[in-house]
Amino acid sequence: MKRIITFLFFAITLTNCAQEKTQFDKVALDEVFKNVKGQEIQFKDILKKHQGKTIFIDIWASWCSDCVGGIPKLKKLQKSKTDVVYVLLSLDKDTKSWKDGIKKHQLKADHYLFTNKWKQSPFCKSIKLDWIPRYMIVGKDGSVKMYKAIDFKDNKILKTIKADDDGVEVDGF
């Protein structure tokens, strides 16, 4: 029985580790979003736009209480790390709710709206999105440095930005 439990523990651990990706799948890169002007853009072009910079990705929605609860920490991070690009990908159900949420919370970032619903989105399926907010970090080299965090209390965010920023520490979180 102990062997079975040990085997299951290691199998689950290895499965979770395997889910950490260092690159986005083609289906995720090809996902189409809308910018605030209503223009369509593929995710790969959003990444290309910020190539060579650390990119903090926040998948959120204005109706999500956990997402809204994380906004003060996001703003604090933005003030301390002005060299990081902030890309907010919204799962709001319509353009009006999305834009109202941006305005209400005074969010300064590069904003995009999913054109597919959460469960139908190839991007969401590719990253196995099961909760929002979801934070991801793309490094200056274009690789995914942090695949998944759902809370600013997660030290992975700060450690990842620090590691991608030539050792400059971020304090106060």
C-alpha atoms as a PDB file:
ATOM      1  CA  MET A   1       0.000   0.000   0.000  1.00  0.00           C
ATOM      2  CA  LYS A   2       2.862   2.375   0.849  1.00  0.00           C
ATOM      3  CA  ARG A   3       4.395   1.700  -2.570  1.00  0.00           C
ATOM      4  CA  ILE A   4       1.147   2.553  -4.315  1.00  0.00           C
ATOM      5  CA  ILE A   5       0.772   5.818  -2.370  1.00  0.00           C
ATOM      6  CA  THR A   6       4.418   6.719  -3.032  1.00  0.00           C
ATOM      7  CA  PHE A   7       3.995   5.941  -6.734  1.00  0.00           C
ATOM      8  CA  LEU A   8       0.841   8.074  -6.963  1.00  0.00           C
ATOM      9  CA  PHE A   9       2.534  10.956  -5.138  1.00  0.00           C
ATOM     10  CA  PHE A  10       5.462  10.968  -7.583  1.00  0.00           C
ATOM     11  CA  ALA A  11       3.190  10.540 -10.603  1.00  0.00           C
ATOM     12  CA  ILE A  12       1.091  13.537  -9.563  1.00  0.00           C
ATOM     13  CA  THR A  13       4.206  15.584  -8.802  1.00  0.00           C
ATOM     14  CA  LEU A  14       5.737  14.796 -12.200  1.00  0.00           C
ATOM     15  CA  THR A  15       2.459  15.600 -13.964  1.00  0.00           C
ATOM     16  CA  ASN A  16       2.280  18.996 -12.255  1.00  0.00           C
ATOM     17  CA  CYS A  17       5.892  19.753 -13.161  1.00  0.00           C
ATOM     18  CA  ALA A  18       5.235  18.771 -16.775  1.00  0.00           C
ATOM     19  CA  GLN A  19       2.472  21.348 -16.985  1.00  0.00           C
ATOM     20  CA  GLU A  20       4.977  24.176 -16.503  1.00  0.00           C
ATOM     21  CA  LYS A  21       5.686  25.424 -20.007  1.00  0.00           C
ATOM     22  CA  THR A  22       8.544  27.572 -21.176  1.00  0.00           C
ATOM     23  CA  GLN A  23       6.923  28.465 -24.503  1.00  0.00           C
ATOM     24  CA  PHE A  24       3.352  29.116 -25.595  1.00  0.00           C
ATOM     25  CA  ASP A  25       1.768  26.532 -27.907  1.00  0.00           C
ATOM     26  CA  LYS A  26       0.957  27.529 -31.496  1.00  0.00           C
ATOM     27  CA  VAL A  27      -2.778  27.569 -30.695  1.00  0.00           C
ATOM     28  CA  ALA A  28      -2.141  30.047 -27.857  1.00  0.00           C
ATOM     29  CA  LEU A  29       0.070  32.228 -30.065  1.00  0.00           C
ATOM     30  CA  ASP A  30      -2.589  32.244 -32.803  1.00  0.00           C
ATOM     31  CA  GLU A  31      -5.446  33.265 -30.440  1.00  0.00           C
ATOM     32  CA  VAL A  32      -7.101  36.489 -31.567  1.00  0.00           C
ATOM     33  CA  PHE A  33      -7.797  39.304 -29.087  1.00  0.00           C
ATOM     34  CA  LYS A  34      -9.329  42.753 -29.467  1.00  0.00           C
ATOM     35  CA  ASN A  35      -7.517  45.876 -28.365  1.00  0.00           C
ATOM     36  CA  VAL A  36      -9.313  48.883 -26.848  1.00  0.00           C
ATOM     37  CA  LYS A  37      -9.783  50.356 -30.348  1.00  0.00           C
ATOM     38  CA  GLY A  38     -11.630  47.204 -31.452  1.00  0.00           C
ATOM     39  CA  GLN A  39      -8.822  45.988 -33.702  1.00  0.00           C
ATOM     40  CA  GLU A  40      -8.002  42.288 -33.759  1.00  0.00           C
ATOM     41  CA  ILE A  41      -4.508  41.113 -32.901  1.00  0.00           C
ATOM     42  CA  GLN A  42      -2.986  37.681 -32.411  1.00  0.00           C
ATOM     43  CA  PHE A  43      -1.276  36.869 -29.134  1.00  0.00           C
ATOM     44  CA  LYS A  44       2.044  36.283 -30.920  1.00  0.00           C
ATOM     45  CA  ASP A  45       1.895  39.876 -32.182  1.00  0.00           C
ATOM     46  CA  ILE A  46       1.232  41.166 -28.651  1.00  0.00           C
ATOM     47  CA  LEU A  47       4.393  39.362 -27.518  1.00  0.00           C
ATOM     48  CA  LYS A  48       6.338  40.580 -30.558  1.00  0.00           C
ATOM     49  CA  LYS A  49       5.308  44.169 -29.757  1.00  0.00           C
ATOM     50  CA  HIS A  50       7.115  43.885 -26.401  1.00  0.00           C
ATOM     51  CA  GLN A  51      10.006  41.685 -27.507  1.00  0.00           C
ATOM     52  CA  GLY A  52      13.147  42.063 -25.374  1.00  0.00           C
ATOM     53  CA  LYS A  53      11.236  43.244 -22.301  1.00  0.00           C
ATOM     54  CA  THR A  54       9.898  41.453 -19.250  1.00  0.00           C
ATOM     55  CA  ILE A  55       6.129  41.023 -19.757  1.00  0.00           C
ATOM     56  CA  PHE A  56       3.751  40.589 -16.829  1.00  0.00           C
ATOM     57  CA  ILE A  57       0.498  39.015 -18.050  1.00  0.00           C
ATOM     58  CA  ASP A  58      -2.648  39.326 -15.944  1.00  0.00           C
ATOM     59  CA  ILE A  59      -5.655  37.293 -17.084  1.00  0.00           C
ATOM     60  CA  TRP A  60      -8.637  38.867 -15.380  1.00  0.00           C
ATOM     61  CA  ALA A  61     -12.266  40.031 -15.679  1.00  0.00           C
ATOM     62  CA  SER A  62     -14.085  43.008 -14.184  1.00  0.00           C
ATOM     63  CA  TRP A  63     -16.720  40.673 -12.647  1.00  0.00           C
ATOM     64  CA  CYS A  64     -14.066  38.614 -10.811  1.00  0.00           C
ATOM     65  CA  SER A  65     -13.772  39.625  -7.137  1.00  0.00           C
ATOM     66  CA  ASP A  66     -10.350  37.961  -6.761  1.00  0.00           C
ATOM     67  CA  CYS A  67      -9.107  39.834  -9.835  1.00  0.00           C
ATOM     68  CA  VAL A  68     -10.361  43.165  -8.512  1.00  0.00           C
ATOM     69  CA  GLY A  69      -8.872  42.334  -5.109  1.00  0.00           C
ATOM     70  CA  GLY A  70      -5.432  41.966  -6.724  1.00  0.00           C
ATOM     71  CA  ILE A  71      -5.512  45.356  -8.451  1.00  0.00           C
ATOM     72  CA  PRO A  72      -3.904  47.321  -5.565  1.00  0.00           C
ATOM     73  CA  LYS A  73      -0.927  44.909  -5.598  1.00  0.00           C
ATOM     74  CA  LEU A  74      -0.735  45.157  -9.391  1.00  0.00           C
ATOM     75  CA  LYS A  75      -0.578  48.944  -9.142  1.00  0.00           C
ATOM     76  CA  LYS A  76       2.084  48.732  -6.445  1.00  0.00           C
ATOM     77  CA  LEU A  77       4.134  46.418  -8.665  1.00  0.00           C
ATOM     78  CA  GLN A  78       3.694  48.798 -11.603  1.00  0.00           C
ATOM     79  CA  LYS A  79       5.010  51.715  -9.536  1.00  0.00           C
ATOM     80  CA  SER A  80       8.078  49.796  -8.392  1.00  0.00           C
ATOM     81  CA  LYS A  81       8.815  48.047 -11.700  1.00  0.00           C
ATOM     82  CA  THR A  82       8.296  50.631 -14.426  1.00  0.00           C
ATOM     83  CA  ASP A  83      10.545  48.745 -16.868  1.00  0.00           C
ATOM     84  CA  VAL A  84       8.155  45.762 -16.963  1.00  0.00           C
ATOM     85  CA  VAL A  85       5.403  45.703 -19.600  1.00  0.00           C
ATOM     86  CA  TYR A  86       1.947  44.946 -18.185  1.00  0.00           C
ATOM     87  CA  VAL A  87      -0.451  43.095 -20.486  1.00  0.00           C
ATOM     88  CA  LEU A  88      -3.985  42.567 -19.189  1.00  0.00           C
ATOM     89  CA  LEU A  89      -6.071  39.944 -20.982  1.00  0.00           C
ATOM     90  CA  SER A  90      -9.733  40.211 -20.073  1.00  0.00           C
ATOM     91  CA  LEU A  91     -12.328  37.458 -20.040  1.00  0.00           C
ATOM     92  CA  ASP A  92     -15.179  39.954 -19.720  1.00  0.00           C
ATOM     93  CA  LYS A  93     -18.260  38.898 -21.636  1.00  0.00           C
ATOM     94  CA  ASP A  94     -18.616  42.126 -23.585  1.00  0.00           C
ATOM     95  CA  THR A  95     -16.630  45.178 -24.632  1.00  0.00           C
ATOM     96  CA  LYS A  96     -18.634  47.625 -22.498  1.00  0.00           C
ATOM     97  CA  SER A  97     -18.054  45.713 -19.237  1.00  0.00           C
ATOM     98  CA  TRP A  98     -14.362  45.364 -20.072  1.00  0.00           C
ATOM     99  CA  LYS A  99     -13.850  49.062 -20.862  1.00  0.00           C
ATOM    100  CA  ASP A 100     -15.941  50.103 -17.839  1.00  0.00           C
ATOM    101  CA  GLY A 101     -13.719  47.901 -15.646  1.00  0.00           C
ATOM    102  CA  ILE A 102     -10.545  49.467 -17.043  1.00  0.00           C
ATOM    103  CA  LYS A 103     -11.920  52.949 -16.402  1.00  0.00           C
ATOM    104  CA  LYS A 104     -13.394  52.202 -12.961  1.00  0.00           C
ATOM    105  CA  HIS A 105     -10.161  50.687 -11.663  1.00  0.00           C
ATOM    106  CA  GLN A 106      -7.925  53.139 -13.557  1.00  0.00           C
ATOM    107  CA  LEU A 107      -5.849  50.342 -15.041  1.00  0.00           C
ATOM    108  CA  LYS A 108      -2.830  51.471 -16.972  1.00  0.00           C
ATOM    109  CA  ALA A 109      -1.562  48.637 -19.127  1.00  0.00           C
ATOM    110  CA  ASP A 110      -1.649  47.151 -22.594  1.00  0.00           C
ATOM    111  CA  HIS A 111      -5.278  45.894 -22.657  1.00  0.00           C
ATOM    112  CA  TYR A 112      -6.834  43.100 -24.700  1.00  0.00           C
ATOM    113  CA  LEU A 113     -10.167  41.301 -24.660  1.00  0.00           C
ATOM    114  CA  PHE A 114     -10.553  37.611 -25.443  1.00  0.00           C
ATOM    115  CA  THR A 115     -12.693  37.083 -28.544  1.00  0.00           C
ATOM    116  CA  ASN A 116     -13.489  33.514 -27.444  1.00  0.00           C
ATOM    117  CA  LYS A 117     -15.301  32.469 -24.294  1.00  0.00           C
ATOM    118  CA  TRP A 118     -13.178  30.989 -21.508  1.00  0.00           C
ATOM    119  CA  LYS A 119     -14.117  27.355 -22.180  1.00  0.00           C
ATOM    120  CA  GLN A 120     -13.864  27.710 -25.982  1.00  0.00           C
ATOM    121  CA  SER A 121     -10.609  29.661 -26.044  1.00  0.00           C
ATOM    122  CA  PRO A 122      -7.641  27.755 -27.504  1.00  0.00           C
ATOM    123  CA  PHE A 123      -5.367  30.013 -25.425  1.00  0.00           C
ATOM    124  CA  CYS A 124      -7.173  29.159 -22.176  1.00  0.00           C
ATOM    125  CA  LYS A 125      -7.164  25.455 -23.019  1.00  0.00           C
ATOM    126  CA  SER A 126      -3.486  25.573 -23.912  1.00  0.00           C
ATOM    127  CA  ILE A 127      -2.455  27.080 -20.565  1.00  0.00           C
ATOM    128  CA  LYS A 128      -5.024  24.969 -18.680  1.00  0.00           C
ATOM    129  CA  LEU A 129      -6.700  28.063 -17.263  1.00  0.00           C
ATOM    130  CA  ASP A 130      -8.766  26.965 -14.291  1.00  0.00           C
ATOM    131  CA  TRP A 131      -8.873  30.141 -12.198  1.00  0.00           C
ATOM    132  CA  ILE A 132      -8.579  33.886 -12.540  1.00  0.00           C
ATOM    133  CA  PRO A 133      -6.714  35.968 -11.890  1.00  0.00           C
ATOM    134  CA  ARG A 134      -3.854  34.131 -13.504  1.00  0.00           C
ATOM    135  CA  TYR A 135      -0.470  35.780 -13.601  1.00  0.00           C
ATOM    136  CA  MET A 136       2.285  34.814 -16.023  1.00  0.00           C
ATOM    137  CA  ILE A 137       5.681  36.306 -16.784  1.00  0.00           C
ATOM    138  CA  VAL A 138       7.455  36.229 -20.125  1.00  0.00           C
ATOM    139  CA  GLY A 139      11.168  36.962 -19.848  1.00  0.00           C
ATOM    140  CA  LYS A 140      13.277  39.286 -21.918  1.00  0.00           C
ATOM    141  CA  ASP A 141      14.418  36.252 -23.906  1.00  0.00           C
ATOM    142  CA  GLY A 142      10.798  35.463 -24.900  1.00  0.00           C
ATOM    143  CA  SER A 143      10.445  32.337 -22.790  1.00  0.00           C
ATOM    144  CA  VAL A 144       7.730  31.808 -20.199  1.00  0.00           C
ATOM    145  CA  LYS A 145       9.522  32.398 -16.888  1.00  0.00           C
ATOM    146  CA  MET A 146       6.470  31.990 -14.670  1.00  0.00           C
ATOM    147  CA  TYR A 147       3.692  29.784 -15.918  1.00  0.00           C
ATOM    148  CA  LYS A 148       1.150  30.109 -13.146  1.00  0.00           C
ATOM    149  CA  ALA A 149       0.417  32.222 -10.103  1.00  0.00           C
ATOM    150  CA  ILE A 150      -3.066  33.123  -8.870  1.00  0.00           C
ATOM    151  CA  ASP A 151      -2.222  35.465  -6.018  1.00  0.00           C
ATOM    152  CA  PHE A 152       0.242  38.269  -5.401  1.00  0.00           C
ATOM    153  CA  LYS A 153       1.141  36.509  -2.151  1.00  0.00           C
ATOM    154  CA  ASP A 154       2.829  33.949  -4.380  1.00  0.00           C
ATOM    155  CA  ASN A 155       6.533  34.728  -4.079  1.00  0.00           C
ATOM    156  CA  LYS A 156       7.118  33.317  -7.563  1.00  0.00           C
ATOM    157  CA  ILE A 157       6.057  36.655  -9.057  1.00  0.00           C
ATOM    158  CA  LEU A 158       8.693  38.695  -7.274  1.00  0.00           C
ATOM    159  CA  LYS A 159      11.427  36.088  -7.615  1.00  0.00           C
ATOM    160  CA  THR A 160      10.760  35.714 -11.324  1.00  0.00           C
ATOM    161  CA  ILE A 161      10.827  39.437 -12.042  1.00  0.00           C
ATOM    162  CA  LYS A 162      13.974  39.789  -9.942  1.00  0.00           C
ATOM    163  CA  ALA A 163      15.690  36.938 -11.786  1.00  0.00           C
ATOM    164  CA  ASP A 164      14.731  38.356 -15.199  1.00  0.00           C
ATOM    165  CA  ASP A 165      15.824  41.861 -14.213  1.00  0.00           C
ATOM    166  CA  ASP A 166      19.525  41.214 -13.681  1.00  0.00           C
ATOM    167  CA  GLY A 167      19.185  40.742  -9.944  1.00  0.00           C
ATOM    168  CA  VAL A 168      17.343  43.945  -9.012  1.00  0.00           C
ATOM    169  CA  GLU A 169      15.115  43.193  -6.013  1.00  0.00           C
ATOM    170  CA  VAL A 170      11.480  44.163  -5.651  1.00  0.00           C
ATOM    171  CA  ASP A 171      10.453  44.813  -2.063  1.00  0.00           C
ATOM    172  CA  GLY A 172       7.276  45.734  -0.256  1.00  0.00           C
ATOM    173  CA  PHE A 173       4.864  42.973  -1.264  1.00  0.00           C
END
